[in-house]
Amino acid sequence: MFRTLAFKPFSCQALPALSATRSVLRAPTAFRYVSGGSPSYSMIKTETQGRVAVITLNRPKALNALCGELFHEINDALSRFDGDDNIGAVVLTGSERAFAAGADIKEMKDTEFIDNYKNNFLGHWVEQIGRMRKPIIAAVNGYALGGGCELAMMCDIIYAGEKAVFGQPEINLGTIPGAGGTQRLTRAVGKSKAMEMILTGTVNLTASEAQTYGLVSAVFPPEKLIEETIKTAAKIASKGAVSVQMAKEAVNQAYELNLSSGLHFERRLFQATFGTKDQKEGMAAFSEKRKPNFVHK
């Protein structure tokens, strides 16, 4: 059965008063740096496990409600990991109770159209994820509602805990999804189901339903979700980095190009892999019946 959940506003306490919201949303956040050159964030946690980076949303009192400062931190961390040759894949997750229960309504409720348009409001939510060359896997436990669902759909793969819930309840607030909900959800679950979810604002998908519709790749017990997601990320990160990034680019182009153009694009990238050391190593290892030793070049 579908679940109906209330969509509650949260406050982004780290931001100034609402009268200053617009300037905060477009201004970069000043991060604190600790020894070793790594930034110290206030709304996310970061760690690495081998060639896998893990970013954890860390606003537990607000169920990881999404706000401007949070996305500045996500973008900064993603940019750093994308440029780190020692990282091959990224895992993005929240808490067991909530991946992200929506956008911070108190932050945006008093903004006006002209300023939102001029400042490209929400544009920075997707800027770095859209530029990421390395794969991102969302590990979703608990609520992924509104902007939380959109954030998960920005990632390349979605794994879910058994109690995860996906929904787009913005219509209940007198608005619509603004960070990809009408576009990515429709591509994932089809027009009819996307319309039902977005137009009612009360029809949500459980983890098993999301997997059935193709929104989610796999479902795990909540306590096993992060472990299993990191396993997949580590497997991806063990492959040749150039081929992984090319494959990601080719799959993403399937949503942008017609079939003829997509096949041409894929073929050119396939041909390009023969200029890499990892292609030579991979095929040599296959012929010699041994494991390849990729050097990511």
Protein backbone atom coordinates (compact mmCIF):
# COMPACT_ATOMS: atom_id res chain seq x y z
CA MET A 1 0.00 0.00 0.00
CA PHE A 2 1.08 3.58 -0.57
CA ARG A 3 1.93 5.68 2.45
CA THR A 4 0.68 9.20 3.12
CA LEU A 5 3.05 11.47 5.03
CA ALA A 6 2.80 15.05 6.16
CA PHE A 7 5.39 17.44 4.74
CA LYS A 8 6.61 19.64 7.57
CA PRO A 9 8.76 22.76 7.23
CA PHE A 10 12.08 22.98 8.97
CA SER A 11 14.32 25.86 9.89
CA CYS A 12 17.89 26.26 8.70
CA GLN A 13 19.20 27.65 11.97
CA ALA A 14 22.70 28.25 10.66
CA LEU A 15 21.43 30.89 8.23
CA PRO A 16 20.63 34.53 9.05
CA ALA A 17 17.12 35.94 9.27
CA LEU A 18 14.80 35.52 6.30
CA SER A 19 15.25 39.14 5.31
CA ALA A 20 18.80 38.23 4.33
CA THR A 21 17.95 34.88 2.74
CA ARG A 22 18.51 35.88 -0.86
CA SER A 23 22.06 37.08 -0.32
CA VAL A 24 22.88 33.93 1.67
CA LEU A 25 21.59 31.62 -1.07
CA ARG A 26 23.90 33.06 -3.70
CA ALA A 27 26.91 33.75 -1.50
CA PRO A 28 29.57 31.02 -1.07
CA THR A 29 29.96 29.62 2.41
CA ALA A 30 33.26 30.16 4.20
CA PHE A 31 34.45 26.76 5.45
CA ARG A 32 36.71 26.13 8.38
CA TYR A 33 39.84 24.15 7.58
CA VAL A 34 41.65 21.71 9.80
CA SER A 35 45.17 20.34 9.49
CA GLY A 36 45.74 18.38 6.30
CA GLY A 37 43.76 20.78 4.15
CA SER A 38 40.36 19.17 4.67
CA PRO A 39 37.39 21.47 5.39
CA SER A 40 35.43 21.15 8.61
CA TYR A 41 31.73 21.20 7.75
CA SER A 42 28.80 21.97 10.03
CA MET A 43 25.98 20.21 8.15
CA ILE A 44 27.66 17.18 6.58
CA LYS A 45 30.22 14.60 7.60
CA THR A 46 32.80 13.19 5.20
CA GLU A 47 35.04 10.16 5.35
CA THR A 48 36.90 7.86 2.98
CA GLN A 49 37.10 4.07 2.89
CA GLY A 50 39.73 3.02 0.40
CA ARG A 51 38.79 4.59 -2.94
CA VAL A 52 35.25 5.38 -1.75
CA ALA A 53 34.21 8.73 -0.27
CA VAL A 54 31.15 8.90 1.99
CA ILE A 55 29.16 12.12 2.50
CA THR A 56 26.57 12.01 5.29
CA LEU A 57 23.94 14.72 5.69
CA ASN A 58 24.09 15.80 9.33
CA ARG A 59 21.06 17.86 10.41
CA PRO A 60 19.38 15.26 12.64
CA LYS A 61 17.04 17.66 14.48
CA ALA A 62 15.63 18.83 11.13
CA LEU A 63 15.55 15.35 9.55
CA ASN A 64 18.27 16.57 7.17
CA ALA A 65 16.06 19.29 5.68
CA LEU A 66 17.84 20.82 2.69
CA CYS A 67 18.94 24.45 2.80
CA GLY A 68 21.40 26.73 1.03
CA GLU A 69 24.31 26.23 3.38
CA LEU A 70 23.89 22.46 3.31
CA PHE A 71 24.13 22.42 -0.47
CA HIS A 72 27.16 24.70 -0.46
CA GLU A 73 28.86 22.12 1.76
CA ILE A 74 27.73 19.18 -0.41
CA ASN A 75 28.99 20.94 -3.53
CA ASP A 76 32.33 21.72 -1.92
CA ALA A 77 32.85 18.13 -0.76
CA LEU A 78 31.82 16.69 -4.13
CA SER A 79 34.16 19.03 -5.96
CA ARG A 80 37.07 17.97 -3.76
CA PHE A 81 36.35 14.27 -4.17
CA ASP A 82 35.86 14.64 -7.94
CA GLY A 83 39.34 16.14 -8.18
CA ASP A 84 40.99 13.54 -5.92
CA ASP A 85 42.71 10.79 -7.94
CA ASN A 86 42.53 8.50 -4.90
CA ILE A 87 38.71 8.50 -4.97
CA GLY A 88 36.79 6.47 -7.54
CA ALA A 89 33.19 6.70 -6.33
CA VAL A 90 31.07 8.61 -3.80
CA VAL A 91 28.29 7.49 -1.46
CA LEU A 92 25.73 10.10 -0.36
CA THR A 93 23.56 9.23 2.63
CA GLY A 94 21.61 10.60 5.60
CA SER A 95 20.45 9.04 8.84
CA GLU A 96 18.45 5.86 9.38
CA ARG A 97 15.39 7.99 10.09
CA ALA A 98 15.70 10.34 7.11
CA PHE A 99 17.84 10.68 4.01
CA ALA A 100 16.36 14.17 3.66
CA ALA A 101 12.76 14.94 4.61
CA GLY A 102 12.42 17.86 2.21
CA ALA A 103 13.55 21.42 1.63
CA ASP A 104 13.83 24.04 4.35
CA ILE A 105 10.51 25.84 3.86
CA LYS A 106 11.26 28.63 6.34
CA GLU A 107 14.31 29.54 4.28
CA MET A 108 12.39 30.01 1.04
CA LYS A 109 8.82 30.97 1.99
CA ASP A 110 9.30 34.76 1.82
CA THR A 111 11.40 34.94 -1.34
CA GLU A 112 9.96 36.62 -4.47
CA PHE A 113 9.87 35.52 -8.12
CA ILE A 114 12.08 38.28 -9.53
CA ASP A 115 14.88 37.62 -7.06
CA ASN A 116 14.54 33.85 -7.41
CA TYR A 117 14.75 34.15 -11.19
CA LYS A 118 17.65 36.61 -11.23
CA ASN A 119 19.63 34.60 -8.68
CA ASN A 120 18.73 31.23 -10.25
CA PHE A 121 17.28 29.97 -6.96
CA LEU A 122 17.94 26.22 -6.47
CA GLY A 123 20.41 26.28 -9.36
CA HIS A 124 23.30 25.67 -6.99
CA TRP A 125 21.51 22.59 -5.67
CA VAL A 126 22.39 20.68 -8.81
CA GLU A 127 25.49 22.42 -10.14
CA GLN A 128 28.22 20.15 -8.76
CA ILE A 129 26.28 16.88 -8.94
CA GLY A 130 25.60 17.63 -12.59
CA ARG A 131 29.32 18.19 -13.20
CA MET A 132 30.51 15.11 -11.31
CA ARG A 133 32.54 12.74 -13.45
CA LYS A 134 32.71 10.08 -10.77
CA PRO A 135 29.68 7.93 -9.91
CA ILE A 136 27.52 8.87 -6.92
CA ILE A 137 25.39 6.27 -5.13
CA ALA A 138 22.57 7.46 -2.88
CA ALA A 139 22.00 5.29 0.19
CA VAL A 140 18.45 6.18 1.27
CA ASN A 141 17.06 5.26 4.67
CA GLY A 142 13.81 6.71 5.99
CA TYR A 143 12.20 9.75 4.38
CA ALA A 144 13.27 11.03 0.96
CA LEU A 145 10.58 13.63 0.36
CA GLY A 146 10.46 16.69 -1.89
CA GLY A 147 14.00 17.95 -2.30
CA GLY A 148 15.23 14.79 -0.57
CA CYS A 149 13.72 12.64 -3.30
CA GLU A 150 15.13 15.01 -5.92
CA LEU A 151 18.59 14.83 -4.35
CA ALA A 152 18.51 11.03 -4.45
CA MET A 153 17.45 11.11 -8.11
CA MET A 154 20.39 13.38 -8.97
CA CYS A 155 22.67 10.47 -8.07
CA ASP A 156 23.67 7.74 -10.51
CA ILE A 157 22.40 4.78 -8.48
CA ILE A 158 19.90 4.63 -5.61
CA TYR A 159 19.99 1.93 -2.94
CA ALA A 160 17.28 1.99 -0.27
CA GLY A 161 16.67 0.65 3.20
CA GLU A 162 13.48 -1.36 3.65
CA LYS A 163 11.75 1.52 5.46
CA ALA A 164 12.62 4.20 2.91
CA VAL A 165 9.78 6.38 1.58
CA PHE A 166 9.95 8.47 -1.60
CA GLY A 167 7.55 11.31 -2.43
CA GLN A 168 7.06 14.77 -3.97
CA PRO A 169 4.57 16.63 -1.71
CA GLU A 170 5.31 20.19 -2.90
CA ILE A 171 1.77 20.65 -4.27
CA ASN A 172 0.55 20.73 -0.64
CA LEU A 173 2.59 23.91 -0.17
CA GLY A 174 1.16 25.68 -3.20
CA THR A 175 4.19 25.05 -5.40
CA ILE A 176 5.77 22.30 -7.51
CA PRO A 177 9.06 20.37 -7.47
CA GLY A 178 11.90 22.69 -8.48
CA ALA A 179 15.05 20.57 -8.43
CA GLY A 180 14.20 17.90 -10.98
CA GLY A 181 11.16 16.15 -9.51
CA THR A 182 8.88 16.59 -12.52
CA GLN A 183 11.64 15.51 -14.92
CA ARG A 184 13.67 12.75 -13.26
CA LEU A 185 10.75 11.10 -11.48
CA THR A 186 8.78 10.88 -14.74
CA ARG A 187 11.72 9.27 -16.50
CA ALA A 188 12.14 6.79 -13.66
CA VAL A 189 8.57 5.68 -12.88
CA GLY A 190 6.59 6.76 -15.95
CA LYS A 191 4.14 9.60 -16.59
CA SER A 192 1.06 8.18 -14.87
CA LYS A 193 2.72 7.34 -11.55
CA ALA A 194 4.73 10.58 -11.54
CA MET A 195 1.54 12.56 -12.17
CA GLU A 196 -0.23 10.75 -9.33
CA MET A 197 2.59 11.39 -6.88
CA ILE A 198 3.18 15.03 -7.84
CA LEU A 199 -0.43 16.14 -8.33
CA THR A 200 -1.81 14.57 -5.14
CA GLY A 201 1.21 15.24 -2.96
CA THR A 202 0.14 12.33 -0.78
CA VAL A 203 0.96 9.22 -2.82
CA ASN A 204 4.42 8.03 -1.86
CA LEU A 205 6.48 5.00 -2.79
CA THR A 206 7.82 2.48 -0.30
CA ALA A 207 11.27 1.06 -0.93
CA SER A 208 9.89 -2.11 -2.53
CA GLU A 209 7.52 -0.11 -4.74
CA ALA A 210 10.35 2.19 -5.76
CA GLN A 211 12.40 -0.85 -6.76
CA THR A 212 9.49 -2.27 -8.75
CA TYR A 213 9.14 0.99 -10.68
CA GLY A 214 12.88 1.19 -11.35
CA LEU A 215 13.56 4.23 -9.18
CA VAL A 216 15.70 2.12 -6.82
CA SER A 217 18.24 -0.54 -7.83
CA ALA A 218 18.26 -2.60 -4.64
CA VAL A 219 16.67 -2.73 -1.17
CA PHE A 220 18.45 -3.81 2.02
CA PRO A 221 17.71 -3.99 5.75
CA PRO A 222 18.31 -0.48 7.17
CA GLU A 223 21.28 -1.57 9.25
CA LYS A 224 22.95 -3.15 6.18
CA LEU A 225 22.31 -0.34 3.70
CA ILE A 226 25.53 1.65 4.11
CA GLU A 227 27.69 -1.47 4.15
CA GLU A 228 26.14 -2.80 0.94
CA THR A 229 26.29 0.59 -0.77
CA ILE A 230 29.97 0.98 0.03
CA LYS A 231 30.60 -2.53 -1.35
CA THR A 232 29.10 -1.54 -4.69
CA ALA A 233 30.94 1.78 -4.69
CA ALA A 234 34.23 -0.03 -3.95
CA LYS A 235 33.59 -2.45 -6.80
CA ILE A 236 33.03 0.47 -9.19
CA ALA A 237 36.07 2.32 -7.85
CA SER A 238 38.25 -0.75 -8.50
CA LYS A 239 37.61 -0.51 -12.25
CA GLY A 240 39.55 1.75 -14.59
CA ALA A 241 38.55 5.30 -13.66
CA VAL A 242 38.57 6.63 -17.23
CA SER A 243 36.29 3.86 -18.51
CA VAL A 244 33.95 4.28 -15.54
CA GLN A 245 33.62 7.99 -16.21
CA MET A 246 33.09 7.41 -19.92
CA ALA A 247 30.42 4.81 -19.21
CA LYS A 248 28.62 7.18 -16.86
CA GLU A 249 28.73 9.94 -19.46
CA ALA A 250 27.38 7.63 -22.17
CA VAL A 251 24.47 6.38 -20.05
CA ASN A 252 23.52 9.94 -19.07
CA GLN A 253 23.50 10.96 -22.71
CA ALA A 254 20.80 8.33 -23.35
CA TYR A 255 18.38 10.79 -21.71
CA GLU A 256 19.53 13.69 -23.86
CA LEU A 257 20.06 12.28 -27.36
CA ASN A 258 17.96 10.42 -29.92
CA LEU A 259 18.94 6.81 -30.53
CA SER A 260 21.06 7.45 -33.62
CA SER A 261 23.03 10.25 -31.93
CA GLY A 262 23.35 8.22 -28.73
CA LEU A 263 24.76 5.22 -30.55
CA HIS A 264 27.25 7.46 -32.35
CA PHE A 265 28.28 9.06 -29.04
CA GLU A 266 28.71 5.65 -27.40
CA ARG A 267 30.77 4.30 -30.29
CA ARG A 268 33.16 7.26 -30.19
CA LEU A 269 33.73 6.82 -26.46
CA PHE A 270 34.21 3.07 -26.92
CA GLN A 271 36.85 3.78 -29.57
CA ALA A 272 38.48 6.33 -27.26
CA THR A 273 39.00 3.71 -24.53
CA PHE A 274 41.60 2.08 -26.81
CA GLY A 275 43.84 5.05 -26.11
CA THR A 276 43.98 4.19 -22.40
CA LYS A 277 46.44 2.03 -20.47
CA ASP A 278 43.55 0.37 -18.63
CA GLN A 279 42.06 -1.00 -21.87
CA LYS A 280 45.39 -2.60 -22.76
CA GLU A 281 45.76 -3.99 -19.23
CA GLY A 282 42.16 -5.21 -19.03
CA MET A 283 42.24 -7.14 -22.29
CA ALA A 284 45.72 -8.49 -21.61
CA ALA A 285 44.57 -9.73 -18.19
CA PHE A 286 41.54 -11.39 -19.75
CA SER A 287 43.72 -13.19 -22.31
CA GLU A 288 46.19 -14.26 -19.62
CA LYS A 289 43.40 -15.38 -17.24
CA ARG A 290 44.45 -13.08 -14.38
CA LYS A 291 42.99 -10.12 -12.52
CA PRO A 292 43.67 -6.76 -14.16
CA ASN A 293 45.76 -4.15 -12.39
CA PHE A 294 44.16 -0.90 -13.45
CA VAL A 295 46.19 2.28 -13.12
CA HIS A 296 43.29 4.67 -13.93
CA LYS A 297 44.98 6.08 -17.01
